Protein backbone atom coordinates (compact mmCIF):
# COMPACT_ATOMS: atom_id res chain seq x y z
CA MET A 1 -20.04 16.53 -208.66
CA TYR A 2 -21.93 15.39 -205.58
CA VAL A 3 -23.93 12.40 -204.38
CA LEU A 4 -27.15 13.23 -202.56
CA ASP A 5 -28.03 10.90 -199.72
CA THR A 6 -31.67 9.86 -199.54
CA ASN A 7 -32.09 11.68 -196.21
CA LEU A 8 -31.59 14.99 -198.02
CA LEU A 9 -34.53 14.20 -200.30
CA VAL A 10 -36.69 13.20 -197.35
CA ALA A 11 -35.89 16.46 -195.55
CA ALA A 12 -36.67 18.43 -198.72
CA LEU A 13 -40.07 16.78 -198.91
CA TRP A 14 -40.84 17.54 -195.27
CA SER A 15 -40.09 21.23 -195.54
CA ARG A 16 -39.78 23.76 -198.35
CA SER A 17 -37.85 26.18 -196.16
CA GLY A 18 -34.58 24.36 -195.47
CA ALA A 19 -31.26 23.88 -197.19
CA SER A 20 -32.26 20.40 -198.39
CA PHE A 21 -35.19 21.80 -200.35
CA ARG A 22 -33.02 24.50 -201.89
CA ILE A 23 -30.46 21.90 -202.97
CA LEU A 24 -33.22 19.74 -204.43
CA GLU A 25 -34.49 22.75 -206.38
CA ARG A 26 -31.01 23.29 -207.84
CA ALA A 27 -30.72 19.61 -208.75
CA VAL A 28 -34.08 19.56 -210.51
CA ARG A 29 -33.27 22.77 -212.42
CA GLY A 30 -30.00 21.24 -213.60
CA ASP A 31 -27.91 23.72 -211.60
CA LEU A 32 -26.15 21.05 -209.54
CA ALA A 33 -23.93 18.26 -210.86
CA TYR A 34 -24.71 15.03 -209.03
CA ALA A 35 -24.34 11.31 -209.63
CA VAL A 36 -26.90 8.59 -209.09
CA SER A 37 -26.28 4.86 -209.39
CA VAL A 38 -29.01 2.38 -210.27
CA ALA A 39 -29.07 1.12 -206.67
CA LEU A 40 -29.35 4.67 -205.31
CA ALA A 41 -32.13 5.52 -207.78
CA LEU A 42 -34.07 2.48 -206.57
CA GLU A 43 -33.48 3.57 -202.97
CA TYR A 44 -34.77 7.07 -203.76
CA GLU A 45 -37.90 5.60 -205.30
CA ALA A 46 -38.58 3.11 -202.50
CA VAL A 47 -38.17 5.67 -199.73
CA LEU A 48 -40.00 8.54 -201.40
CA LYS A 49 -43.00 6.35 -202.18
CA ARG A 50 -43.50 5.21 -198.60
CA ALA A 51 -46.99 6.04 -197.39
CA ALA A 52 -45.75 7.68 -194.19
CA LEU A 53 -43.48 10.04 -196.13
CA ARG A 54 -46.23 10.92 -198.61
CA GLU A 55 -48.55 11.78 -195.73
CA ALA A 56 -45.93 14.02 -194.05
CA SER A 57 -44.80 15.59 -197.32
CA TRP A 58 -45.91 18.69 -199.17
CA ALA A 59 -45.86 16.62 -202.39
CA SER A 60 -48.71 14.66 -203.94
CA VAL A 61 -48.19 11.23 -205.47
CA GLN A 62 -48.05 12.89 -208.88
CA ASP A 63 -45.54 15.49 -207.61
CA LEU A 64 -43.31 12.67 -206.34
CA GLU A 65 -43.42 10.87 -209.70
CA ILE A 66 -42.48 14.06 -211.54
CA LEU A 67 -39.77 14.84 -208.98
CA LEU A 68 -38.19 11.38 -209.28
CA ASP A 69 -38.32 11.43 -213.08
CA THR A 70 -36.78 14.89 -213.21
CA LEU A 71 -34.17 14.18 -210.56
CA LEU A 72 -33.01 11.01 -212.28
CA GLY A 73 -33.16 12.68 -215.68
CA GLN A 74 -30.93 15.55 -214.52
CA ALA A 75 -28.29 13.23 -213.00
CA LYS A 76 -24.93 13.69 -214.66
CA ARG A 77 -24.14 9.98 -214.42
CA ILE A 78 -26.13 6.90 -213.78
CA MET A 79 -23.52 4.20 -213.91
CA PRO A 80 -23.17 0.57 -212.93
CA ILE A 81 -21.11 0.04 -209.80
CA ARG A 82 -18.00 -1.86 -210.82
CA THR A 83 -16.34 -2.07 -207.42
CA ARG A 84 -18.22 -3.11 -204.31
CA LEU A 85 -16.94 -1.54 -201.11
CA ARG A 86 -19.21 -3.52 -198.81
CA PRO A 87 -19.41 -3.69 -195.98
CA ALA A 88 -17.82 -0.31 -195.37
CA LEU A 89 -20.61 1.12 -193.22
CA ASP A 90 -23.14 -0.22 -190.74
CA ASP A 91 -26.13 0.49 -192.99
CA PRO A 92 -26.17 -1.16 -196.46
CA ALA A 93 -28.09 1.85 -197.81
CA ASP A 94 -25.15 4.02 -196.78
CA ASP A 95 -22.78 1.63 -198.56
CA MET A 96 -24.58 2.25 -201.85
CA VAL A 97 -24.21 6.02 -201.39
CA LEU A 98 -20.48 5.62 -200.70
CA GLU A 99 -20.04 3.29 -203.69
CA CYS A 100 -21.78 5.75 -205.98
CA ALA A 101 -19.57 8.60 -204.75
CA VAL A 102 -16.33 6.62 -205.18
CA GLN A 103 -17.32 5.25 -208.61
CA ALA A 104 -18.35 8.71 -209.86
CA GLY A 105 -15.30 10.46 -208.43
CA ALA A 106 -17.66 12.73 -206.53
CA GLU A 107 -16.32 15.73 -204.67
CA ALA A 108 -18.59 15.05 -201.71
CA ILE A 109 -21.50 13.13 -200.28
CA VAL A 110 -24.25 15.46 -199.11
CA THR A 111 -25.93 13.94 -196.07
CA MET A 112 -27.29 14.73 -192.67
CA ASN A 113 -25.73 11.46 -191.50
CA VAL A 114 -22.11 12.65 -191.46
CA ARG A 115 -21.16 10.70 -188.33
CA ASP A 116 -21.94 7.27 -189.81
CA PHE A 117 -20.04 8.03 -193.05
CA ARG A 118 -16.96 9.65 -191.47
CA LYS A 119 -14.56 6.68 -191.24
CA ALA A 120 -15.28 5.25 -194.70
CA ALA A 121 -15.33 8.67 -196.35
CA LYS A 122 -11.88 9.39 -194.96
CA LEU A 123 -10.60 6.01 -196.18
CA TYR A 124 -11.95 6.61 -199.70
CA ARG A 125 -11.16 10.34 -199.69
CA VAL A 126 -14.70 11.57 -200.19
CA GLU A 127 -15.68 14.79 -198.45
CA LEU A 128 -18.84 14.87 -196.37
CA LEU A 129 -21.10 17.90 -196.38
CA LYS A 130 -24.33 18.65 -194.58
CA PRO A 131 -26.95 20.29 -196.80
CA GLY A 132 -26.38 23.72 -195.24
CA GLU A 133 -22.64 23.46 -195.85
CA LEU A 134 -23.16 22.62 -199.52
CA LEU A 135 -25.60 25.49 -199.90
CA LEU A 136 -23.06 27.93 -198.42
CA ARG A 137 -20.42 26.59 -200.82
CA LEU A 138 -22.72 26.94 -203.80
CA GLU A 139 -23.60 30.49 -202.82
CA GLY A 140 -19.92 31.38 -202.52
CA ARG A 141 -19.89 32.08 -198.81
């Protein structure tokens, strides 16, 4: 099971040709096990509904609503966070991703922000993967 950082979703909405989009496709189809906490779901919604992202995205407002509903509906776990790990990272939004991963017992956090997660991920024994690395793993390469 994985936790998808919000930056992966943003990248997938900017371009349909990258690894982030292909991972998002797998998640929406139900071909990827991933966890989402309530806080992370709210983060997804807040970021994906920003006007600037909508303008730069291939998705319409309706597409984004459907995407969010489907993405959250396909999540293997949406659980309350019982243990706060804050502050573990410089960005509170990153803390919520880490907390979700630890609480869910996730195999890895999938992010383009590996550098900022590195110290805390090592402490809590959560692997960090860039989208391309996860895609290679999923494709058996």
